[in-house]
Amino acid sequence: MQIHSIISNTISEEILATGHLSIRFMADGFSLLLEDRNFVPVVLIRATGESPMTRKSHLQACEDWLHRQTLLENFLGEITLVIDALPTTLVPEALFSENDKLLYLEPVTRLHAGEKVEFTAIRNSPFLLVYAVPVDYLLLAEKLAGSVRIKSSLEVLFSLSDQVNAADHQRGFALVEGQPGYMGILMIRNDELMIANNQQLGKTGELVYHTLNTIQQVEFDRVNRPLYHAGVTGDEELGMLRKYVRHLQPLPYHISEIDKSAISEHVLLAEATRCA
């Protein structure tokens, strides 16, 4: 496993007590951002393998790293675990019942023993996001000393959409966030959610295919309205998208102390600690 890291400070006792830690589990490994109480980055790493990792292997690699840094046992601040490949579905608020939360996931996944079904309201939207958390992630959460939240990456993507200006929320825009083996996409018009989806990816070009397919479903104005992108997206894929979408641009986002060229890759990881 390769580890790319940025370390700007030592991990002080104050950071252990009051800091923010977000960890994102992806198809090719995990990324981790440790910030102080003021959300200034202290440690940023991306640990990846040359090929897609199993859930067990990337959880173990993350646990081992946390243990070596004494974060597993000693970090008492806020912890957010973000998981890309969670089975998720959107349910209209008017039709939602907590007693039926397991039933909403039946069309998208088969639940296994011990899995926990979570739900969260989407701000400024008449929908709730319902998702299942596998047992392995729950077990890791139990080993962490701090206060732990587990979120779907799609939930964090909704929070990221607030970085787009209010005028675009009214007129309409799309937001795509891509990682190796995964993408999330949402489209907003008249300040309302039109569609949201996450998708596991295989071959190169599938991100472009699923983006264009989603655009077609909601009759998105790809000539006049912007498509914002974030995450790890190759130049070839961006070039293909530019053939179909006139206004393709990176999502505006700022992370202090981090090189500007690396921000797009880590925006969702950084947003995870900030979203309610």
C-alpha atoms as a PDB file:
ATOM      1  CA  MET A   1       0.000   0.000   0.000  1.00  0.00           C
ATOM      2  CA  GLN A   2       1.232   3.465  -0.891  1.00  0.00           C
ATOM      3  CA  ILE A   3       0.734   6.315   1.579  1.00  0.00           C
ATOM      4  CA  HIS A   4       0.845   9.914   0.399  1.00  0.00           C
ATOM      5  CA  SER A   5       0.878  12.257   3.379  1.00  0.00           C
ATOM      6  CA  ILE A   6       0.935  15.882   4.374  1.00  0.00           C
ATOM      7  CA  ILE A   7       1.859  16.555   7.997  1.00  0.00           C
ATOM      8  CA  SER A   8       2.008  20.178   9.101  1.00  0.00           C
ATOM      9  CA  ASN A   9       2.147  19.756  12.884  1.00  0.00           C
ATOM     10  CA  THR A  10       2.625  17.199  15.606  1.00  0.00           C
ATOM     11  CA  ILE A  11      -0.505  15.662  17.091  1.00  0.00           C
ATOM     12  CA  SER A  12      -0.804  17.609  20.333  1.00  0.00           C
ATOM     13  CA  GLU A  13      -2.858  16.768  23.409  1.00  0.00           C
ATOM     14  CA  GLU A  14      -5.267  19.576  22.478  1.00  0.00           C
ATOM     15  CA  ILE A  15      -5.841  18.057  19.037  1.00  0.00           C
ATOM     16  CA  LEU A  16      -6.460  14.635  20.559  1.00  0.00           C
ATOM     17  CA  ALA A  17      -9.077  16.144  22.870  1.00  0.00           C
ATOM     18  CA  THR A  18     -10.883  18.648  20.628  1.00  0.00           C
ATOM     19  CA  GLY A  19      -9.911  17.983  17.004  1.00  0.00           C
ATOM     20  CA  HIS A  20     -11.855  16.653  14.030  1.00  0.00           C
ATOM     21  CA  LEU A  21     -11.045  13.397  12.267  1.00  0.00           C
ATOM     22  CA  SER A  22     -12.661  12.284   9.016  1.00  0.00           C
ATOM     23  CA  ILE A  23     -11.919   8.993   7.273  1.00  0.00           C
ATOM     24  CA  ARG A  24     -13.192   8.019   3.841  1.00  0.00           C
ATOM     25  CA  PHE A  25     -13.249   4.405   2.705  1.00  0.00           C
ATOM     26  CA  MET A  26     -12.919   3.969  -1.066  1.00  0.00           C
ATOM     27  CA  ALA A  27     -12.507   1.111  -3.523  1.00  0.00           C
ATOM     28  CA  ASP A  28      -8.727   1.557  -3.654  1.00  0.00           C
ATOM     29  CA  GLY A  29      -8.054   2.250   0.024  1.00  0.00           C
ATOM     30  CA  PHE A  30      -8.813   5.059   2.455  1.00  0.00           C
ATOM     31  CA  SER A  31      -8.089   8.733   2.981  1.00  0.00           C
ATOM     32  CA  LEU A  32      -7.861  10.517   6.314  1.00  0.00           C
ATOM     33  CA  LEU A  33      -7.917  14.136   7.429  1.00  0.00           C
ATOM     34  CA  LEU A  34      -7.099  15.218  10.979  1.00  0.00           C
ATOM     35  CA  GLU A  35      -7.845  18.863  11.816  1.00  0.00           C
ATOM     36  CA  ASP A  36      -7.543  20.938  14.954  1.00  0.00           C
ATOM     37  CA  ARG A  37     -10.532  22.512  16.698  1.00  0.00           C
ATOM     38  CA  ASN A  38     -10.500  25.382  14.148  1.00  0.00           C
ATOM     39  CA  PHE A  39     -10.534  22.978  11.175  1.00  0.00           C
ATOM     40  CA  VAL A  40      -6.898  23.660  10.268  1.00  0.00           C
ATOM     41  CA  PRO A  41      -5.376  20.489   8.727  1.00  0.00           C
ATOM     42  CA  VAL A  42      -2.776  18.654  10.776  1.00  0.00           C
ATOM     43  CA  VAL A  43      -2.516  15.317   8.938  1.00  0.00           C
ATOM     44  CA  LEU A  44      -3.786  14.425   5.482  1.00  0.00           C
ATOM     45  CA  ILE A  45      -3.101  11.017   3.971  1.00  0.00           C
ATOM     46  CA  ARG A  46      -4.370   8.905   1.117  1.00  0.00           C
ATOM     47  CA  ALA A  47      -3.463   5.234   1.443  1.00  0.00           C
ATOM     48  CA  THR A  48      -4.111   3.226  -1.696  1.00  0.00           C
ATOM     49  CA  GLY A  49      -3.276  -0.121  -3.222  1.00  0.00           C
ATOM     50  CA  GLU A  50      -2.413  -0.854  -6.828  1.00  0.00           C
ATOM     51  CA  SER A  51      -5.685  -2.767  -7.242  1.00  0.00           C
ATOM     52  CA  PRO A  52      -9.128  -2.496  -5.604  1.00  0.00           C
ATOM     53  CA  MET A  53      -8.997  -3.560  -1.972  1.00  0.00           C
ATOM     54  CA  THR A  54     -11.427  -5.750  -0.103  1.00  0.00           C
ATOM     55  CA  ARG A  55     -13.471  -4.162   2.651  1.00  0.00           C
ATOM     56  CA  LYS A  56     -11.624  -6.231   5.249  1.00  0.00           C
ATOM     57  CA  SER A  57      -8.178  -5.224   3.995  1.00  0.00           C
ATOM     58  CA  HIS A  58      -8.767  -1.484   3.821  1.00  0.00           C
ATOM     59  CA  LEU A  59     -10.456  -1.456   7.241  1.00  0.00           C
ATOM     60  CA  GLN A  60      -7.507  -3.343   8.722  1.00  0.00           C
ATOM     61  CA  ALA A  61      -4.996  -1.022   7.048  1.00  0.00           C
ATOM     62  CA  CYS A  62      -6.811   1.987   8.457  1.00  0.00           C
ATOM     63  CA  GLU A  63      -7.056   0.494  11.939  1.00  0.00           C
ATOM     64  CA  ASP A  64      -3.347  -0.345  11.921  1.00  0.00           C
ATOM     65  CA  TRP A  65      -2.427   3.219  10.901  1.00  0.00           C
ATOM     66  CA  LEU A  66      -4.674   4.748  13.568  1.00  0.00           C
ATOM     67  CA  HIS A  67      -3.158   2.453  16.187  1.00  0.00           C
ATOM     68  CA  ARG A  68       0.419   3.383  15.219  1.00  0.00           C
ATOM     69  CA  GLN A  69      -0.430   7.074  15.572  1.00  0.00           C
ATOM     70  CA  THR A  70      -2.226   6.476  18.920  1.00  0.00           C
ATOM     71  CA  LEU A  71      -5.415   7.887  17.396  1.00  0.00           C
ATOM     72  CA  LEU A  72      -7.433   4.693  17.772  1.00  0.00           C
ATOM     73  CA  GLU A  73      -7.235   4.717  21.560  1.00  0.00           C
ATOM     74  CA  ASN A  74      -6.472   8.358  22.383  1.00  0.00           C
ATOM     75  CA  PHE A  75      -8.395  10.587  19.973  1.00  0.00           C
ATOM     76  CA  LEU A  76     -11.423  11.932  21.855  1.00  0.00           C
ATOM     77  CA  GLY A  77     -12.666  14.512  19.344  1.00  0.00           C
ATOM     78  CA  GLU A  78     -15.334  14.231  16.659  1.00  0.00           C
ATOM     79  CA  ILE A  79     -14.895  11.393  14.159  1.00  0.00           C
ATOM     80  CA  THR A  80     -16.729  11.012  10.843  1.00  0.00           C
ATOM     81  CA  LEU A  81     -16.502   7.822   8.802  1.00  0.00           C
ATOM     82  CA  VAL A  82     -17.531   8.273   5.158  1.00  0.00           C
ATOM     83  CA  ILE A  83     -18.238   5.206   3.058  1.00  0.00           C
ATOM     84  CA  ASP A  84     -18.503   5.288  -0.724  1.00  0.00           C
ATOM     85  CA  ALA A  85     -20.181   1.999  -1.553  1.00  0.00           C
ATOM     86  CA  LEU A  86     -23.103   2.024   0.876  1.00  0.00           C
ATOM     87  CA  PRO A  87     -26.482   0.880  -0.476  1.00  0.00           C
ATOM     88  CA  THR A  88     -28.613   4.042  -0.413  1.00  0.00           C
ATOM     89  CA  THR A  89     -32.024   5.208  -1.505  1.00  0.00           C
ATOM     90  CA  LEU A  90     -33.968   8.461  -1.366  1.00  0.00           C
ATOM     91  CA  VAL A  91     -37.445   8.400   0.188  1.00  0.00           C
ATOM     92  CA  PRO A  92     -39.941  11.293  -0.023  1.00  0.00           C
ATOM     93  CA  GLU A  93     -40.389  12.765   3.430  1.00  0.00           C
ATOM     94  CA  ALA A  94     -44.174  12.581   3.153  1.00  0.00           C
ATOM     95  CA  LEU A  95     -43.994   8.799   2.623  1.00  0.00           C
ATOM     96  CA  PHE A  96     -41.263   7.982   5.145  1.00  0.00           C
ATOM     97  CA  SER A  97     -41.869   5.893   8.244  1.00  0.00           C
ATOM     98  CA  GLU A  98     -39.030   4.935  10.577  1.00  0.00           C
ATOM     99  CA  ASN A  99     -40.729   1.599  11.194  1.00  0.00           C
ATOM    100  CA  ASP A 100     -40.377   0.771   7.489  1.00  0.00           C
ATOM    101  CA  LYS A 101     -36.785   1.910   6.994  1.00  0.00           C
ATOM    102  CA  LEU A 102     -35.570  -1.627   6.216  1.00  0.00           C
ATOM    103  CA  LEU A 103     -38.195  -2.033   3.512  1.00  0.00           C
ATOM    104  CA  TYR A 104     -36.996   1.005   1.574  1.00  0.00           C
ATOM    105  CA  LEU A 105     -33.642  -0.677   0.935  1.00  0.00           C
ATOM    106  CA  GLU A 106     -35.057  -3.961  -0.381  1.00  0.00           C
ATOM    107  CA  PRO A 107     -35.010  -2.810  -4.052  1.00  0.00           C
ATOM    108  CA  VAL A 108     -31.310  -1.831  -3.873  1.00  0.00           C
ATOM    109  CA  THR A 109     -29.653  -4.374  -1.578  1.00  0.00           C
ATOM    110  CA  ARG A 110     -29.970  -7.498   0.482  1.00  0.00           C
ATOM    111  CA  LEU A 111     -29.429  -6.712   4.139  1.00  0.00           C
ATOM    112  CA  HIS A 112     -27.167  -8.973   6.188  1.00  0.00           C
ATOM    113  CA  ALA A 113     -27.271  -9.855   9.863  1.00  0.00           C
ATOM    114  CA  GLY A 114     -25.943  -7.108  12.112  1.00  0.00           C
ATOM    115  CA  GLU A 115     -26.128  -4.331   9.535  1.00  0.00           C
ATOM    116  CA  LYS A 116     -27.547  -1.050  10.765  1.00  0.00           C
ATOM    117  CA  VAL A 117     -29.987   0.997   8.714  1.00  0.00           C
ATOM    118  CA  GLU A 118     -29.557   4.751   9.108  1.00  0.00           C
ATOM    119  CA  PHE A 119     -31.515   7.683   7.702  1.00  0.00           C
ATOM    120  CA  THR A 120     -30.999  11.415   7.526  1.00  0.00           C
ATOM    121  CA  ALA A 121     -33.037  14.350   6.299  1.00  0.00           C
ATOM    122  CA  ILE A 122     -31.622  16.208   3.310  1.00  0.00           C
ATOM    123  CA  ARG A 123     -31.516  19.903   4.095  1.00  0.00           C
ATOM    124  CA  ASN A 124     -33.711  22.089   1.866  1.00  0.00           C
ATOM    125  CA  SER A 125     -35.162  18.973   0.260  1.00  0.00           C
ATOM    126  CA  PRO A 126     -38.349  16.922   0.819  1.00  0.00           C
ATOM    127  CA  PHE A 127     -36.325  13.679   0.874  1.00  0.00           C
ATOM    128  CA  LEU A 128     -34.618  11.462   3.403  1.00  0.00           C
ATOM    129  CA  LEU A 129     -31.528   9.432   2.581  1.00  0.00           C
ATOM    130  CA  VAL A 130     -31.740   5.840   3.847  1.00  0.00           C
ATOM    131  CA  TYR A 131     -28.613   3.670   3.877  1.00  0.00           C
ATOM    132  CA  ALA A 132     -27.252   0.439   5.358  1.00  0.00           C
ATOM    133  CA  VAL A 133     -23.973   0.273   7.301  1.00  0.00           C
ATOM    134  CA  PRO A 134     -22.120  -3.080   7.150  1.00  0.00           C
ATOM    135  CA  VAL A 135     -21.037  -4.723  10.397  1.00  0.00           C
ATOM    136  CA  ASP A 136     -17.297  -4.239   9.702  1.00  0.00           C
ATOM    137  CA  TYR A 137     -17.618  -0.455   9.856  1.00  0.00           C
ATOM    138  CA  LEU A 138     -19.718  -0.631  13.016  1.00  0.00           C
ATOM    139  CA  LEU A 139     -16.997  -2.729  14.671  1.00  0.00           C
ATOM    140  CA  LEU A 140     -14.329  -0.167  13.776  1.00  0.00           C
ATOM    141  CA  ALA A 141     -16.524   2.616  15.155  1.00  0.00           C
ATOM    142  CA  GLU A 142     -16.759   0.746  18.466  1.00  0.00           C
ATOM    143  CA  LYS A 143     -12.949   0.614  18.747  1.00  0.00           C
ATOM    144  CA  LEU A 144     -12.564   4.383  18.349  1.00  0.00           C
ATOM    145  CA  ALA A 145     -12.514   6.368  21.565  1.00  0.00           C
ATOM    146  CA  GLY A 146     -14.092   9.552  20.188  1.00  0.00           C
ATOM    147  CA  SER A 147     -17.646  10.369  19.179  1.00  0.00           C
ATOM    148  CA  VAL A 148     -18.280   8.619  15.825  1.00  0.00           C
ATOM    149  CA  ARG A 149     -20.685   9.442  12.993  1.00  0.00           C
ATOM    150  CA  ILE A 150     -21.066   7.205   9.945  1.00  0.00           C
ATOM    151  CA  LYS A 151     -22.189   8.881   6.733  1.00  0.00           C
ATOM    152  CA  SER A 152     -22.814   7.909   3.154  1.00  0.00           C
ATOM    153  CA  SER A 153     -20.635   9.861   0.729  1.00  0.00           C
ATOM    154  CA  LEU A 154     -23.834  10.857  -1.062  1.00  0.00           C
ATOM    155  CA  GLU A 155     -24.985  12.668   2.083  1.00  0.00           C
ATOM    156  CA  VAL A 156     -21.732  14.637   2.170  1.00  0.00           C
ATOM    157  CA  LEU A 157     -22.171  15.448  -1.531  1.00  0.00           C
ATOM    158  CA  PHE A 158     -25.447  17.207  -0.681  1.00  0.00           C
ATOM    159  CA  SER A 159     -23.560  19.344   1.815  1.00  0.00           C
ATOM    160  CA  LEU A 160     -20.892  20.095  -0.797  1.00  0.00           C
ATOM    161  CA  SER A 161     -23.558  21.446  -3.129  1.00  0.00           C
ATOM    162  CA  ASP A 162     -23.959  24.424  -0.777  1.00  0.00           C
ATOM    163  CA  GLN A 163     -20.625  25.700  -2.108  1.00  0.00           C
ATOM    164  CA  VAL A 164     -22.377  26.541  -5.371  1.00  0.00           C
ATOM    165  CA  ASN A 165     -23.787  30.059  -5.582  1.00  0.00           C
ATOM    166  CA  ALA A 166     -27.464  30.701  -4.912  1.00  0.00           C
ATOM    167  CA  ALA A 167     -28.191  31.814  -8.479  1.00  0.00           C
ATOM    168  CA  ASP A 168     -27.109  28.408  -9.833  1.00  0.00           C
ATOM    169  CA  HIS A 169     -29.284  26.687  -7.237  1.00  0.00           C
ATOM    170  CA  GLN A 170     -32.228  28.499  -8.789  1.00  0.00           C
ATOM    171  CA  ARG A 171     -31.324  28.170 -12.459  1.00  0.00           C
ATOM    172  CA  GLY A 172     -29.916  24.655 -12.136  1.00  0.00           C
ATOM    173  CA  PHE A 173     -26.579  22.853 -11.946  1.00  0.00           C
ATOM    174  CA  ALA A 174     -25.069  19.373 -11.705  1.00  0.00           C
ATOM    175  CA  LEU A 175     -22.318  18.159  -9.375  1.00  0.00           C
ATOM    176  CA  VAL A 176     -20.206  15.048  -9.962  1.00  0.00           C
ATOM    177  CA  GLU A 177     -17.611  13.658  -7.544  1.00  0.00           C
ATOM    178  CA  GLY A 178     -15.463  10.793  -8.766  1.00  0.00           C
ATOM    179  CA  GLN A 179     -12.991   8.399  -7.168  1.00  0.00           C
ATOM    180  CA  PRO A 180     -11.405   5.217  -8.546  1.00  0.00           C
ATOM    181  CA  GLY A 181     -14.272   2.759  -8.849  1.00  0.00           C
ATOM    182  CA  TYR A 182     -16.962   5.172  -7.644  1.00  0.00           C
ATOM    183  CA  MET A 183     -18.943   8.291  -8.513  1.00  0.00           C
ATOM    184  CA  GLY A 184     -21.665  10.373  -6.921  1.00  0.00           C
ATOM    185  CA  ILE A 185     -23.895  12.766  -8.845  1.00  0.00           C
ATOM    186  CA  LEU A 186     -26.723  15.152  -8.065  1.00  0.00           C
ATOM    187  CA  MET A 187     -28.672  17.777  -9.973  1.00  0.00           C
ATOM    188  CA  ILE A 188     -30.527  20.753  -8.533  1.00  0.00           C
ATOM    189  CA  ARG A 189     -32.963  23.132 -10.220  1.00  0.00           C
ATOM    190  CA  ASN A 190     -35.270  25.794  -8.747  1.00  0.00           C
ATOM    191  CA  ASP A 191     -33.387  25.168  -5.500  1.00  0.00           C
ATOM    192  CA  GLU A 192     -34.823  21.636  -5.403  1.00  0.00           C
ATOM    193  CA  LEU A 193     -33.183  18.259  -5.803  1.00  0.00           C
ATOM    194  CA  MET A 194     -33.988  16.728  -9.200  1.00  0.00           C
ATOM    195  CA  ILE A 195     -31.948  13.531  -8.971  1.00  0.00           C
ATOM    196  CA  ALA A 196     -29.166  12.012  -6.871  1.00  0.00           C
ATOM    197  CA  ASN A 197     -27.296   8.761  -7.332  1.00  0.00           C
ATOM    198  CA  ASN A 198     -24.090   6.947  -6.509  1.00  0.00           C
ATOM    199  CA  GLN A 199     -22.560   4.335  -8.744  1.00  0.00           C
ATOM    200  CA  GLN A 200     -19.723   1.841  -8.602  1.00  0.00           C
ATOM    201  CA  LEU A 201     -17.525   2.115 -11.687  1.00  0.00           C
ATOM    202  CA  GLY A 202     -15.559  -0.436 -13.649  1.00  0.00           C
ATOM    203  CA  LYS A 203     -14.044   0.483 -16.993  1.00  0.00           C
ATOM    204  CA  THR A 204     -12.627   3.883 -17.903  1.00  0.00           C
ATOM    205  CA  GLY A 205     -15.351   6.059 -19.358  1.00  0.00           C
ATOM    206  CA  GLU A 206     -18.176   4.797 -17.174  1.00  0.00           C
ATOM    207  CA  LEU A 207     -18.212   8.072 -15.229  1.00  0.00           C
ATOM    208  CA  VAL A 208     -18.892   9.894 -18.483  1.00  0.00           C
ATOM    209  CA  TYR A 209     -21.585   7.400 -19.496  1.00  0.00           C
ATOM    210  CA  HIS A 210     -23.475   7.618 -16.180  1.00  0.00           C
ATOM    211  CA  THR A 211     -23.171  11.408 -16.078  1.00  0.00           C
ATOM    212  CA  LEU A 212     -24.619  11.814 -19.556  1.00  0.00           C
ATOM    213  CA  ASN A 213     -27.334   9.264 -18.804  1.00  0.00           C
ATOM    214  CA  THR A 214     -28.366  11.232 -15.709  1.00  0.00           C
ATOM    215  CA  ILE A 215     -28.319  14.478 -17.683  1.00  0.00           C
ATOM    216  CA  GLN A 216     -30.691  12.920 -20.195  1.00  0.00           C
ATOM    217  CA  GLN A 217     -33.066  11.627 -17.513  1.00  0.00           C
ATOM    218  CA  VAL A 218     -33.778  15.083 -16.090  1.00  0.00           C
ATOM    219  CA  GLU A 219     -33.410  17.008 -19.376  1.00  0.00           C
ATOM    220  CA  PHE A 220     -30.530  18.999 -17.928  1.00  0.00           C
ATOM    221  CA  ASP A 221     -29.610  22.125 -19.886  1.00  0.00           C
ATOM    222  CA  ARG A 222     -26.060  21.113 -20.780  1.00  0.00           C
ATOM    223  CA  VAL A 223     -25.523  24.188 -22.972  1.00  0.00           C
ATOM    224  CA  ASN A 224     -26.363  26.930 -20.483  1.00  0.00           C
ATOM    225  CA  ARG A 225     -26.064  25.360 -17.043  1.00  0.00           C
ATOM    226  CA  PRO A 226     -22.819  24.389 -15.252  1.00  0.00           C
ATOM    227  CA  LEU A 227     -21.568  20.930 -14.376  1.00  0.00           C
ATOM    228  CA  TYR A 228     -19.215  21.117 -11.375  1.00  0.00           C
ATOM    229  CA  HIS A 229     -16.724  18.320 -10.798  1.00  0.00           C
ATOM    230  CA  ALA A 230     -14.627  17.240  -7.826  1.00  0.00           C
ATOM    231  CA  GLY A 231     -12.623  14.249  -6.690  1.00  0.00           C
ATOM    232  CA  VAL A 232     -10.212  12.276  -8.853  1.00  0.00           C
ATOM    233  CA  THR A 233     -11.260  12.624 -12.476  1.00  0.00           C
ATOM    234  CA  GLY A 234      -8.869  11.961 -15.343  1.00  0.00           C
ATOM    235  CA  ASP A 235      -8.087  14.471 -18.072  1.00  0.00           C
ATOM    236  CA  GLU A 236      -9.471  12.030 -20.652  1.00  0.00           C
ATOM    237  CA  GLU A 237     -12.832  11.833 -18.875  1.00  0.00           C
ATOM    238  CA  LEU A 238     -13.016  15.601 -18.459  1.00  0.00           C
ATOM    239  CA  GLY A 239     -12.173  16.013 -22.132  1.00  0.00           C
ATOM    240  CA  MET A 240     -15.016  13.690 -23.100  1.00  0.00           C
ATOM    241  CA  LEU A 241     -17.474  15.541 -20.873  1.00  0.00           C
ATOM    242  CA  ARG A 242     -16.483  18.885 -22.422  1.00  0.00           C
ATOM    243  CA  LYS A 243     -17.753  17.598 -25.756  1.00  0.00           C
ATOM    244  CA  TYR A 244     -21.266  17.454 -24.313  1.00  0.00           C
ATOM    245  CA  VAL A 245     -21.349  20.051 -21.513  1.00  0.00           C
ATOM    246  CA  ARG A 246     -20.337  23.597 -22.316  1.00  0.00           C
ATOM    247  CA  HIS A 247     -19.777  24.837 -18.755  1.00  0.00           C
ATOM    248  CA  LEU A 248     -17.627  22.221 -17.020  1.00  0.00           C
ATOM    249  CA  GLN A 249     -15.681  23.571 -14.067  1.00  0.00           C
ATOM    250  CA  PRO A 250     -14.146  22.466 -10.753  1.00  0.00           C
ATOM    251  CA  LEU A 251     -16.242  22.905  -7.636  1.00  0.00           C
ATOM    252  CA  PRO A 252     -15.148  26.047  -5.763  1.00  0.00           C
ATOM    253  CA  TYR A 253     -13.701  24.977  -2.421  1.00  0.00           C
ATOM    254  CA  HIS A 254     -10.961  26.114  -0.072  1.00  0.00           C
ATOM    255  CA  ILE A 255      -8.956  24.044   2.404  1.00  0.00           C
ATOM    256  CA  SER A 256      -6.325  26.030   4.274  1.00  0.00           C
ATOM    257  CA  GLU A 257      -2.758  24.734   4.389  1.00  0.00           C
ATOM    258  CA  ILE A 258      -3.335  22.293   1.513  1.00  0.00           C
ATOM    259  CA  ASP A 259      -1.848  22.718  -1.954  1.00  0.00           C
ATOM    260  CA  LYS A 260      -4.521  24.002  -4.325  1.00  0.00           C
ATOM    261  CA  SER A 261      -3.912  21.184  -6.815  1.00  0.00           C
ATOM    262  CA  ALA A 262      -4.855  18.593  -4.158  1.00  0.00           C
ATOM    263  CA  ILE A 263      -8.056  20.236  -2.924  1.00  0.00           C
ATOM    264  CA  SER A 264     -10.428  18.723  -5.485  1.00  0.00           C
ATOM    265  CA  GLU A 265      -9.346  15.202  -4.499  1.00  0.00           C
ATOM    266  CA  HIS A 266     -10.124  15.820  -0.822  1.00  0.00           C
ATOM    267  CA  VAL A 267     -13.133  18.184  -0.797  1.00  0.00           C
ATOM    268  CA  LEU A 268     -15.598  15.501   0.245  1.00  0.00           C
ATOM    269  CA  LEU A 269     -13.283  14.309   3.021  1.00  0.00           C
ATOM    270  CA  ALA A 270     -12.964  17.868   4.337  1.00  0.00           C
ATOM    271  CA  GLU A 271     -16.689  18.577   4.052  1.00  0.00           C
ATOM    272  CA  ALA A 272     -17.506  15.438   6.046  1.00  0.00           C
ATOM    273  CA  THR A 273     -16.409  17.092   9.301  1.00  0.00           C
ATOM    274  CA  ARG A 274     -18.398  20.233   8.572  1.00  0.00           C
ATOM    275  CA  CYS A 275     -21.798  18.905   7.516  1.00  0.00           C
ATOM    276  CA  ALA A 276     -24.476  18.450  10.175  1.00  0.00           C
END
